[in-house]
Amino acid sequence: MKTLRMTFGTPVANENLVLSLPYPKEGVTQAEIETAMQAVIDHAIFVAGPNSRLGADIVDRTVTIVFGD
């Protein structure tokens, strides 16, 4: 499973906000991610909301069930 992780700076000293979204579209571009991150900043939907874009990455994770569900 792939997850898009976007990391933002906040006005709180030494604290970042990481927003993780599963299943990003294949081939998503840096420009698209930066636009989405700026929209999060511009809409101020968090109390101590993000005020800068620090970075983003796509994590590709494989889970192998060894026992149980």
C-alpha atoms as a PDB file:
ATOM      1  CA  MET A   1       0.000   0.000   0.000  1.00  0.00           C
ATOM      2  CA  LYS A   2       1.276   3.457  -0.861  1.00  0.00           C
ATOM      3  CA  THR A   3       0.797   6.466   1.410  1.00  0.00           C
ATOM      4  CA  LEU A   4       1.495  10.115   0.670  1.00  0.00           C
ATOM      5  CA  ARG A   5       3.043  11.808   3.710  1.00  0.00           C
ATOM      6  CA  MET A   6       3.102  15.607   3.702  1.00  0.00           C
ATOM      7  CA  THR A   7       5.144  17.357   6.388  1.00  0.00           C
ATOM      8  CA  PHE A   8       4.306  20.911   7.429  1.00  0.00           C
ATOM      9  CA  GLY A   9       5.937  23.389   9.775  1.00  0.00           C
ATOM     10  CA  THR A  10       3.738  24.878  12.497  1.00  0.00           C
ATOM     11  CA  PRO A  11       3.880  27.997  14.684  1.00  0.00           C
ATOM     12  CA  VAL A  12       4.583  25.749  17.698  1.00  0.00           C
ATOM     13  CA  ALA A  13       8.328  25.518  18.324  1.00  0.00           C
ATOM     14  CA  ASN A  14       9.919  22.224  17.271  1.00  0.00           C
ATOM     15  CA  GLU A  15       6.602  20.670  16.208  1.00  0.00           C
ATOM     16  CA  ASN A  16       5.677  19.544  12.730  1.00  0.00           C
ATOM     17  CA  LEU A  17       2.365  18.321  11.372  1.00  0.00           C
ATOM     18  CA  VAL A  18       2.413  15.182   9.235  1.00  0.00           C
ATOM     19  CA  LEU A  19      -0.667  14.508   7.129  1.00  0.00           C
ATOM     20  CA  SER A  20      -0.781  10.955   5.709  1.00  0.00           C
ATOM     21  CA  LEU A  21      -3.166  10.013   2.924  1.00  0.00           C
ATOM     22  CA  PRO A  22      -3.451   6.458   1.602  1.00  0.00           C
ATOM     23  CA  TYR A  23      -3.568   5.541  -2.079  1.00  0.00           C
ATOM     24  CA  PRO A  24      -2.127   8.609  -3.843  1.00  0.00           C
ATOM     25  CA  LYS A  25      -2.731   8.555  -7.567  1.00  0.00           C
ATOM     26  CA  GLU A  26      -0.051   6.941  -9.682  1.00  0.00           C
ATOM     27  CA  GLY A  27       2.329   9.498 -11.122  1.00  0.00           C
ATOM     28  CA  VAL A  28       1.361  12.362  -8.783  1.00  0.00           C
ATOM     29  CA  THR A  29       3.765  15.251  -9.391  1.00  0.00           C
ATOM     30  CA  GLN A  30       5.680  17.507  -7.050  1.00  0.00           C
ATOM     31  CA  ALA A  31       3.653  20.467  -8.328  1.00  0.00           C
ATOM     32  CA  GLU A  32       0.363  18.707  -7.511  1.00  0.00           C
ATOM     33  CA  ILE A  33       1.542  17.843  -4.014  1.00  0.00           C
ATOM     34  CA  GLU A  34       2.798  21.380  -3.379  1.00  0.00           C
ATOM     35  CA  THR A  35      -0.553  22.782  -4.549  1.00  0.00           C
ATOM     36  CA  ALA A  36      -2.437  20.435  -2.213  1.00  0.00           C
ATOM     37  CA  MET A  37      -0.167  21.348   0.693  1.00  0.00           C
ATOM     38  CA  GLN A  38      -0.649  25.056   0.052  1.00  0.00           C
ATOM     39  CA  ALA A  39      -4.433  24.538   0.029  1.00  0.00           C
ATOM     40  CA  VAL A  40      -4.206  22.941   3.495  1.00  0.00           C
ATOM     41  CA  ILE A  41      -2.232  25.960   4.714  1.00  0.00           C
ATOM     42  CA  ASP A  42      -4.523  28.517   3.038  1.00  0.00           C
ATOM     43  CA  HIS A  43      -7.757  27.026   4.412  1.00  0.00           C
ATOM     44  CA  ALA A  44      -6.524  27.035   8.036  1.00  0.00           C
ATOM     45  CA  ILE A  45      -8.461  23.914   9.030  1.00  0.00           C
ATOM     46  CA  PHE A  46      -6.274  23.091  12.070  1.00  0.00           C
ATOM     47  CA  VAL A  47      -6.115  25.018  15.372  1.00  0.00           C
ATOM     48  CA  ALA A  48      -2.315  25.280  15.464  1.00  0.00           C
ATOM     49  CA  GLY A  49      -2.253  24.896  11.733  1.00  0.00           C
ATOM     50  CA  PRO A  50       0.618  24.458   9.381  1.00  0.00           C
ATOM     51  CA  ASN A  51       2.344  27.575   8.103  1.00  0.00           C
ATOM     52  CA  SER A  52       4.986  26.118   5.791  1.00  0.00           C
ATOM     53  CA  ARG A  53       5.629  23.155   3.524  1.00  0.00           C
ATOM     54  CA  LEU A  54       8.636  21.155   4.692  1.00  0.00           C
ATOM     55  CA  GLY A  55       8.469  18.130   2.419  1.00  0.00           C
ATOM     56  CA  ALA A  56       6.565  15.155   1.143  1.00  0.00           C
ATOM     57  CA  ASP A  57       7.229  11.525   0.391  1.00  0.00           C
ATOM     58  CA  ILE A  58       5.422   8.466  -0.841  1.00  0.00           C
ATOM     59  CA  VAL A  59       5.848   5.413   1.368  1.00  0.00           C
ATOM     60  CA  ASP A  60       5.369   2.017  -0.265  1.00  0.00           C
ATOM     61  CA  ARG A  61       4.682  -0.614   2.372  1.00  0.00           C
ATOM     62  CA  THR A  62       4.177  -4.338   2.099  1.00  0.00           C
ATOM     63  CA  VAL A  63       2.540  -6.272   4.920  1.00  0.00           C
ATOM     64  CA  THR A  64       2.942 -10.031   5.179  1.00  0.00           C
ATOM     65  CA  ILE A  65       0.509 -11.691   7.585  1.00  0.00           C
ATOM     66  CA  VAL A  66       2.300 -14.387   9.526  1.00  0.00           C
ATOM     67  CA  PHE A  67      -0.502 -15.352  11.884  1.00  0.00           C
ATOM     68  CA  GLY A  68      -4.198 -14.460  12.206  1.00  0.00           C
ATOM     69  CA  ASP A  69      -6.102 -11.882  10.242  1.00  0.00           C
END
